[in-house]
C-alpha atoms as a PDB file:
ATOM      1  CA  UNK A   1      -9.605  15.996 107.949  1.00  0.00           C
ATOM      2  CA  UNK A   2      -6.054  15.515 106.579  1.00  0.00           C
ATOM      3  CA  UNK A   3      -7.172  12.316 105.479  1.00  0.00           C
ATOM      4  CA  UNK A   4      -9.922  13.622 103.153  1.00  0.00           C
ATOM      5  CA  UNK A   5      -7.606  16.331 101.851  1.00  0.00           C
ATOM      6  CA  UNK A   6      -5.068  13.717 100.911  1.00  0.00           C
ATOM      7  CA  UNK A   7      -7.594  11.614  98.975  1.00  0.00           C
ATOM      8  CA  UNK A   8      -8.882  14.456  97.019  1.00  0.00           C
ATOM      9  CA  UNK A   9      -5.269  15.527  96.021  1.00  0.00           C
ATOM     10  CA  UNK A  10      -4.624  12.052  95.024  1.00  0.00           C
ATOM     11  CA  UNK A  11      -8.053  11.800  92.930  1.00  0.00           C
ATOM     12  CA  UNK A  12      -7.207  14.978  91.262  1.00  0.00           C
ATOM     13  CA  UNK A  13      -3.654  13.919  90.400  1.00  0.00           C
ATOM     14  CA  UNK A  14      -4.963  10.635  88.750  1.00  0.00           C
ATOM     15  CA  UNK A  15      -7.300  12.610  86.688  1.00  0.00           C
ATOM     16  CA  UNK A  16      -4.645  14.911  85.397  1.00  0.00           C
ATOM     17  CA  UNK A  17      -2.580  11.859  84.393  1.00  0.00           C
ATOM     18  CA  UNK A  18      -5.360  10.024  82.461  1.00  0.00           C
ATOM     19  CA  UNK A  19      -6.155  13.355  80.598  1.00  0.00           C
ATOM     20  CA  UNK A  20      -2.634  13.834  79.416  1.00  0.00           C
ATOM     21  CA  UNK A  21      -2.267  10.302  78.448  1.00  0.00           C
ATOM     22  CA  UNK A  22      -5.657  10.516  76.256  1.00  0.00           C
ATOM     23  CA  UNK A  23      -4.279  13.753  74.729  1.00  0.00           C
ATOM     24  CA  UNK A  24      -1.005  12.216  73.637  1.00  0.00           C
ATOM     25  CA  UNK A  25      -2.807   9.272  71.801  1.00  0.00           C
ATOM     26  CA  UNK A  26      -5.504  10.874  70.052  1.00  0.00           C
ATOM     27  CA  UNK A  27      -5.061  13.145  66.590  1.00  0.00           C
ATOM     28  CA  UNK A  28      -7.438  15.114  64.692  1.00  0.00           C
ATOM     29  CA  UNK A  29      -8.565  13.916  61.124  1.00  0.00           C
ATOM     30  CA  UNK A  30      -7.087  16.182  58.594  1.00  0.00           C
ATOM     31  CA  UNK A  31      -9.650  18.310  56.641  1.00  0.00           C
ATOM     32  CA  UNK A  32      -8.214  17.020  53.535  1.00  0.00           C
ATOM     33  CA  UNK A  33      -8.240  13.239  54.382  1.00  0.00           C
ATOM     34  CA  UNK A  34     -11.439  11.204  53.336  1.00  0.00           C
ATOM     35  CA  UNK A  35     -12.737   7.981  54.468  1.00  0.00           C
ATOM     36  CA  UNK A  36     -12.335   5.177  51.762  1.00  0.00           C
ATOM     37  CA  UNK A  37     -15.840   4.280  50.325  1.00  0.00           C
ATOM     38  CA  UNK A  38     -15.945   0.573  49.411  1.00  0.00           C
ATOM     39  CA  UNK A  39     -17.600   0.106  46.044  1.00  0.00           C
ATOM     40  CA  UNK A  40     -19.091  -3.383  45.221  1.00  0.00           C
ATOM     41  CA  UNK A  41     -17.377  -4.818  41.942  1.00  0.00           C
ATOM     42  CA  UNK A  42     -20.238  -5.684  39.346  1.00  0.00           C
ATOM     43  CA  UNK A  43     -19.310  -7.910  36.376  1.00  0.00           C
ATOM     44  CA  UNK A  44     -20.373  -5.991  33.496  1.00  0.00           C
ATOM     45  CA  UNK A  45     -20.887  -8.430  30.238  1.00  0.00           C
ATOM     46  CA  UNK A  46     -18.518  -7.550  27.453  1.00  0.00           C
ATOM     47  CA  UNK A  47     -20.338  -6.923  24.108  1.00  0.00           C
ATOM     48  CA  UNK A  48     -18.595  -8.066  21.093  1.00  0.00           C
ATOM     49  CA  UNK A  49     -18.486  -5.535  18.468  1.00  0.00           C
ATOM     50  CA  UNK A  50     -17.969  -6.966  14.959  1.00  0.00           C
ATOM     51  CA  UNK A  51     -14.750  -5.778  13.257  1.00  0.00           C
ATOM     52  CA  UNK A  52     -15.395  -3.273  10.354  1.00  0.00           C
ATOM     53  CA  UNK A  53     -14.889  -4.346   6.734  1.00  0.00           C
ATOM     54  CA  UNK A  54     -16.145  -8.035   7.285  1.00  0.00           C
ATOM     55  CA  UNK A  55     -17.180  -9.424   4.160  1.00  0.00           C
ATOM     56  CA  UNK A  56     -20.745  -9.636   3.333  1.00  0.00           C
ATOM     57  CA  UNK A  57     -21.930 -13.366   2.867  1.00  0.00           C
ATOM     58  CA  UNK A  58     -22.036 -13.917  -0.794  1.00  0.00           C
ATOM     59  CA  UNK A  59     -24.900 -15.759  -2.515  1.00  0.00           C
ATOM     60  CA  UNK A  60     -24.782 -17.768  -5.489  1.00  0.00           C
ATOM     61  CA  UNK A  61     -25.638 -16.062  -8.910  1.00  0.00           C
ATOM     62  CA  UNK A  62     -24.817 -19.155 -10.732  1.00  0.00           C
ATOM     63  CA  UNK A  63     -23.337 -22.478 -10.256  1.00  0.00           C
ATOM     64  CA  UNK A  64     -23.027 -25.700 -12.120  1.00  0.00           C
ATOM     65  CA  UNK A  65     -20.757 -27.476  -9.528  1.00  0.00           C
ATOM     66  CA  UNK A  66     -21.477 -31.039  -8.159  1.00  0.00           C
ATOM     67  CA  UNK A  67     -21.341 -31.700  -4.347  1.00  0.00           C
ATOM     68  CA  UNK A  68     -18.146 -30.771  -2.546  1.00  0.00           C
ATOM     69  CA  UNK A  69     -16.442 -34.253  -2.906  1.00  0.00           C
ATOM     70  CA  UNK A  70     -17.157 -34.288  -6.682  1.00  0.00           C
ATOM     71  CA  UNK A  71     -17.604 -30.895  -7.827  1.00  0.00           C
ATOM     72  CA  UNK A  72     -16.263 -31.478 -11.504  1.00  0.00           C
ATOM     73  CA  UNK A  73     -14.487 -34.057 -13.642  1.00  0.00           C
ATOM     74  CA  UNK A  74     -10.647 -34.136 -12.800  1.00  0.00           C
ATOM     75  CA  UNK A  75      -8.505 -35.705 -15.393  1.00  0.00           C
ATOM     76  CA  UNK A  76     -10.278 -36.976 -18.615  1.00  0.00           C
ATOM     77  CA  UNK A  77     -12.332 -33.978 -19.195  1.00  0.00           C
ATOM     78  CA  UNK A  78     -11.211 -30.352 -19.465  1.00  0.00           C
ATOM     79  CA  UNK A  79     -10.936 -27.557 -21.932  1.00  0.00           C
ATOM     80  CA  UNK A  80      -7.306 -26.166 -22.886  1.00  0.00           C
ATOM     81  CA  UNK A  81      -6.522 -22.474 -21.750  1.00  0.00           C
ATOM     82  CA  UNK A  82      -3.437 -21.324 -23.126  1.00  0.00           C
ATOM     83  CA  UNK A  83      -1.604 -17.911 -23.996  1.00  0.00           C
ATOM     84  CA  UNK A  84      -0.377 -17.149 -27.393  1.00  0.00           C
ATOM     85  CA  UNK A  85       3.312 -17.800 -26.297  1.00  0.00           C
ATOM     86  CA  UNK A  86       2.578 -21.244 -24.745  1.00  0.00           C
ATOM     87  CA  UNK A  87       3.919 -24.404 -25.859  1.00  0.00           C
ATOM     88  CA  UNK A  88       0.373 -24.867 -28.025  1.00  0.00           C
ATOM     89  CA  UNK A  89      -1.585 -22.647 -29.766  1.00  0.00           C
ATOM     90  CA  UNK A  90      -3.550 -19.894 -28.015  1.00  0.00           C
ATOM     91  CA  UNK A  91      -6.934 -21.006 -26.545  1.00  0.00           C
ATOM     92  CA  UNK A  92      -9.154 -18.991 -24.241  1.00  0.00           C
ATOM     93  CA  UNK A  93     -12.329 -20.399 -22.961  1.00  0.00           C
ATOM     94  CA  UNK A  94     -15.956 -18.828 -21.843  1.00  0.00           C
ATOM     95  CA  UNK A  95     -18.557 -20.042 -19.369  1.00  0.00           C
ATOM     96  CA  UNK A  96     -22.055 -18.521 -19.798  1.00  0.00           C
ATOM     97  CA  UNK A  97     -24.399 -17.803 -16.974  1.00  0.00           C
ATOM     98  CA  UNK A  98     -27.694 -16.050 -16.650  1.00  0.00           C
ATOM     99  CA  UNK A  99     -28.815 -14.416 -13.093  1.00  0.00           C
ATOM    100  CA  UNK A 100     -32.317 -15.195 -12.033  1.00  0.00           C
ATOM    101  CA  UNK A 101     -32.228 -11.978 -10.077  1.00  0.00           C
ATOM    102  CA  UNK A 102     -30.338  -8.671 -10.081  1.00  0.00           C
ATOM    103  CA  UNK A 103     -27.057  -9.155  -8.290  1.00  0.00           C
ATOM    104  CA  UNK A 104     -23.811  -7.129  -7.599  1.00  0.00           C
ATOM    105  CA  UNK A 105     -21.314  -9.700  -8.708  1.00  0.00           C
ATOM    106  CA  UNK A 106     -18.085  -9.580  -6.575  1.00  0.00           C
ATOM    107  CA  UNK A 107     -16.724 -13.188  -7.145  1.00  0.00           C
ATOM    108  CA  UNK A 108     -16.104 -16.173  -9.418  1.00  0.00           C
ATOM    109  CA  UNK A 109     -14.699 -19.493  -8.706  1.00  0.00           C
ATOM    110  CA  UNK A 110     -13.714 -21.619 -11.693  1.00  0.00           C
ATOM    111  CA  UNK A 111     -11.995 -25.189 -12.046  1.00  0.00           C
ATOM    112  CA  UNK A 112      -9.105 -23.828 -13.975  1.00  0.00           C
ATOM    113  CA  UNK A 113      -5.627 -25.343 -13.290  1.00  0.00           C
ATOM    114  CA  UNK A 114      -1.958 -24.870 -14.107  1.00  0.00           C
ATOM    115  CA  UNK A 115      -0.028 -26.977 -16.360  1.00  0.00           C
ATOM    116  CA  UNK A 116       3.329 -25.007 -17.638  1.00  0.00           C
ATOM    117  CA  UNK A 117       4.641 -21.664 -18.376  1.00  0.00           C
ATOM    118  CA  UNK A 118       3.850 -18.498 -15.916  1.00  0.00           C
ATOM    119  CA  UNK A 119       1.583 -19.596 -13.417  1.00  0.00           C
ATOM    120  CA  UNK A 120      -0.994 -17.244 -13.661  1.00  0.00           C
ATOM    121  CA  UNK A 121      -4.394 -16.574 -15.576  1.00  0.00           C
ATOM    122  CA  UNK A 122      -6.760 -13.771 -16.085  1.00  0.00           C
ATOM    123  CA  UNK A 123     -10.506 -14.036 -15.271  1.00  0.00           C
ATOM    124  CA  UNK A 124     -12.940 -11.533 -16.689  1.00  0.00           C
ATOM    125  CA  UNK A 125     -16.751 -10.839 -16.990  1.00  0.00           C
ATOM    126  CA  UNK A 126     -18.073 -10.080 -20.428  1.00  0.00           C
ATOM    127  CA  UNK A 127     -21.481  -9.140 -21.721  1.00  0.00           C
ATOM    128  CA  UNK A 128     -23.056 -11.499 -24.219  1.00  0.00           C
ATOM    129  CA  UNK A 129     -23.105 -10.729 -27.855  1.00  0.00           C
ATOM    130  CA  UNK A 130     -25.218 -13.287 -29.914  1.00  0.00           C
ATOM    131  CA  UNK A 131     -23.771 -16.191 -27.916  1.00  0.00           C
ATOM    132  CA  UNK A 132     -20.206 -15.317 -27.528  1.00  0.00           C
ATOM    133  CA  UNK A 133     -18.432 -12.858 -24.986  1.00  0.00           C
ATOM    134  CA  UNK A 134     -19.067  -9.173 -26.094  1.00  0.00           C
ATOM    135  CA  UNK A 135     -17.951  -6.008 -24.118  1.00  0.00           C
ATOM    136  CA  UNK A 136     -15.494  -6.507 -21.212  1.00  0.00           C
ATOM    137  CA  UNK A 137     -17.555  -5.742 -18.089  1.00  0.00           C
ATOM    138  CA  UNK A 138     -15.065  -6.471 -15.205  1.00  0.00           C
ATOM    139  CA  UNK A 139     -11.701  -7.591 -15.092  1.00  0.00           C
ATOM    140  CA  UNK A 140      -9.199  -8.964 -16.201  1.00  0.00           C
ATOM    141  CA  UNK A 141      -8.290 -10.069 -12.516  1.00  0.00           C
ATOM    142  CA  UNK A 142      -4.819 -11.916 -12.584  1.00  0.00           C
ATOM    143  CA  UNK A 143      -5.020 -14.756 -10.449  1.00  0.00           C
ATOM    144  CA  UNK A 144      -1.519 -16.541  -9.681  1.00  0.00           C
ATOM    145  CA  UNK A 145      -0.224 -19.711  -8.057  1.00  0.00           C
ATOM    146  CA  UNK A 146      -3.097 -21.929  -9.427  1.00  0.00           C
ATOM    147  CA  UNK A 147      -3.302 -25.496  -8.291  1.00  0.00           C
ATOM    148  CA  UNK A 148      -1.463 -28.160 -10.739  1.00  0.00           C
ATOM    149  CA  UNK A 149      -3.895 -29.887 -13.142  1.00  0.00           C
ATOM    150  CA  UNK A 150      -5.131 -33.078 -11.650  1.00  0.00           C
ATOM    151  CA  UNK A 151      -5.858 -31.523  -8.350  1.00  0.00           C
ATOM    152  CA  UNK A 152      -8.999 -32.027  -6.573  1.00  0.00           C
ATOM    153  CA  UNK A 153     -11.072 -30.179  -5.452  1.00  0.00           C
ATOM    154  CA  UNK A 154      -9.640 -26.651  -5.426  1.00  0.00           C
ATOM    155  CA  UNK A 155     -11.092 -23.708  -7.324  1.00  0.00           C
ATOM    156  CA  UNK A 156      -9.339 -20.694  -8.741  1.00  0.00           C
ATOM    157  CA  UNK A 157     -10.865 -17.579  -7.206  1.00  0.00           C
ATOM    158  CA  UNK A 158     -11.256 -14.103  -8.526  1.00  0.00           C
ATOM    159  CA  UNK A 159     -12.417 -11.225  -6.562  1.00  0.00           C
ATOM    160  CA  UNK A 160     -13.875  -8.289  -8.470  1.00  0.00           C
ATOM    161  CA  UNK A 161     -14.943  -4.804  -7.729  1.00  0.00           C
ATOM    162  CA  UNK A 162     -19.006  -5.223  -7.527  1.00  0.00           C
ATOM    163  CA  UNK A 163     -20.566  -5.025 -10.685  1.00  0.00           C
ATOM    164  CA  UNK A 164     -24.505  -5.061 -11.492  1.00  0.00           C
ATOM    165  CA  UNK A 165     -25.805  -7.916 -13.426  1.00  0.00           C
ATOM    166  CA  UNK A 166     -29.299  -8.205 -14.699  1.00  0.00           C
ATOM    167  CA  UNK A 167     -31.938 -10.998 -14.060  1.00  0.00           C
ATOM    168  CA  UNK A 168     -32.403 -12.785 -17.373  1.00  0.00           C
ATOM    169  CA  UNK A 169     -29.245 -11.574 -19.265  1.00  0.00           C
ATOM    170  CA  UNK A 170     -26.693 -13.785 -20.252  1.00  0.00           C
ATOM    171  CA  UNK A 171     -23.045 -12.882 -19.401  1.00  0.00           C
ATOM    172  CA  UNK A 172     -19.659 -14.705 -19.537  1.00  0.00           C
ATOM    173  CA  UNK A 173     -16.944 -15.584 -17.211  1.00  0.00           C
ATOM    174  CA  UNK A 174     -13.939 -15.663 -19.620  1.00  0.00           C
ATOM    175  CA  UNK A 175     -10.339 -17.325 -18.832  1.00  0.00           C
ATOM    176  CA  UNK A 176      -7.478 -16.102 -20.897  1.00  0.00           C
ATOM    177  CA  UNK A 177      -4.236 -14.322 -20.698  1.00  0.00           C
ATOM    178  CA  UNK A 178      -2.193 -11.234 -21.884  1.00  0.00           C
ATOM    179  CA  UNK A 179      -1.164 -11.351 -25.474  1.00  0.00           C
ATOM    180  CA  UNK A 180       2.465 -10.683 -24.663  1.00  0.00           C
ATOM    181  CA  UNK A 181       4.696 -10.458 -21.692  1.00  0.00           C
ATOM    182  CA  UNK A 182       4.377 -12.152 -18.327  1.00  0.00           C
ATOM    183  CA  UNK A 183       1.675 -14.700 -18.467  1.00  0.00           C
ATOM    184  CA  UNK A 184       1.377 -15.081 -21.955  1.00  0.00           C
ATOM    185  CA  UNK A 185       2.942 -18.436 -21.973  1.00  0.00           C
ATOM    186  CA  UNK A 186       0.430 -19.737 -19.521  1.00  0.00           C
ATOM    187  CA  UNK A 187      -0.759 -23.315 -20.409  1.00  0.00           C
ATOM    188  CA  UNK A 188      -3.594 -24.906 -18.189  1.00  0.00           C
ATOM    189  CA  UNK A 189      -7.060 -26.616 -18.333  1.00  0.00           C
ATOM    190  CA  UNK A 190     -10.475 -25.684 -17.280  1.00  0.00           C
ATOM    191  CA  UNK A 191     -12.177 -28.739 -16.050  1.00  0.00           C
ATOM    192  CA  UNK A 192     -15.709 -29.150 -16.738  1.00  0.00           C
ATOM    193  CA  UNK A 193     -18.963 -31.004 -15.668  1.00  0.00           C
ATOM    194  CA  UNK A 194     -21.174 -33.130 -17.883  1.00  0.00           C
ATOM    195  CA  UNK A 195     -23.902 -30.922 -19.523  1.00  0.00           C
ATOM    196  CA  UNK A 196     -24.981 -30.254 -23.003  1.00  0.00           C
ATOM    197  CA  UNK A 197     -24.757 -26.356 -23.266  1.00  0.00           C
ATOM    198  CA  UNK A 198     -23.292 -23.765 -25.603  1.00  0.00           C
ATOM    199  CA  UNK A 199     -19.528 -22.656 -24.939  1.00  0.00           C
ATOM    200  CA  UNK A 200     -17.624 -20.124 -26.622  1.00  0.00           C
ATOM    201  CA  UNK A 201     -13.833 -20.483 -27.976  1.00  0.00           C
ATOM    202  CA  UNK A 202     -11.053 -17.940 -28.947  1.00  0.00           C
ATOM    203  CA  UNK A 203      -8.144 -19.771 -30.756  1.00  0.00           C
ATOM    204  CA  UNK A 204      -6.479 -16.531 -32.004  1.00  0.00           C
ATOM    205  CA  UNK A 205      -8.723 -15.429 -34.744  1.00  0.00           C
ATOM    206  CA  UNK A 206     -11.736 -14.287 -32.606  1.00  0.00           C
ATOM    207  CA  UNK A 207     -14.558 -15.677 -30.629  1.00  0.00           C
ATOM    208  CA  UNK A 208     -16.769 -18.377 -32.053  1.00  0.00           C
ATOM    209  CA  UNK A 209     -19.721 -20.152 -30.547  1.00  0.00           C
ATOM    210  CA  UNK A 210     -20.060 -23.929 -30.205  1.00  0.00           C
ATOM    211  CA  UNK A 211     -22.024 -26.676 -28.607  1.00  0.00           C
ATOM    212  CA  UNK A 212     -20.380 -29.039 -26.295  1.00  0.00           C
ATOM    213  CA  UNK A 213     -21.443 -31.971 -24.114  1.00  0.00           C
ATOM    214  CA  UNK A 214     -19.266 -30.540 -21.358  1.00  0.00           C
ATOM    215  CA  UNK A 215     -19.444 -27.327 -19.589  1.00  0.00           C
ATOM    216  CA  UNK A 216     -16.721 -25.513 -17.977  1.00  0.00           C
ATOM    217  CA  UNK A 217     -17.014 -25.915 -14.234  1.00  0.00           C
ATOM    218  CA  UNK A 218     -17.516 -22.774 -11.861  1.00  0.00           C
ATOM    219  CA  UNK A 219     -19.770 -20.603  -9.908  1.00  0.00           C
ATOM    220  CA  UNK A 220     -20.518 -16.841  -9.758  1.00  0.00           C
ATOM    221  CA  UNK A 221     -21.246 -15.079  -6.477  1.00  0.00           C
ATOM    222  CA  UNK A 222     -22.435 -11.720  -5.475  1.00  0.00           C
ATOM    223  CA  UNK A 223     -24.988  -9.980  -3.264  1.00  0.00           C
ATOM    224  CA  UNK A 224     -28.791  -9.151  -4.074  1.00  0.00           C
ATOM    225  CA  UNK A 225     -29.360  -5.683  -5.293  1.00  0.00           C
END
């Protein structure tokens, strides 16, 4: 009987020890603590958003340029473009063009090059008045730092606020200079392509029509209305 009581006492003592150890090593999860939920990472394709204000692709309204490797004659064939204070007498030149569709004209590219004086030239768009430039329609846009005469195959580029031009109506791209001040001593050349077509000149006394076997080289660009 004593042995049985001793065994029961020892068993009770061991149980209390085990319970005490379990209570010391365990902790309750605080109410504010949450289990971390693992969310699988998904690769979302990035969508390229085109930048605002990108230039709209321009279409040719008119062009007489040849292939890129040989768009115009370089040295032997050109028209003089000179201001009234240049070393030579004033000489402005115009290139006629007739759109085949209604366009908003916004750019011209012409084979105008620098020789001496201030390195800048004015480019403008005029209406037609019986075969010569009439009323100023757009410009002048002053273009600076022209390539030197004899250079191939760059073009002098002028950007305009878009202006409407009508199908079947003749217009003029004019290269000239201010009558006084900066730019009035510009002297340069407008290279051309071989083609029998009317041209227009102004040598200080007004515009007059002429016919030549060489057309000032260039092209007119814009967007369709």
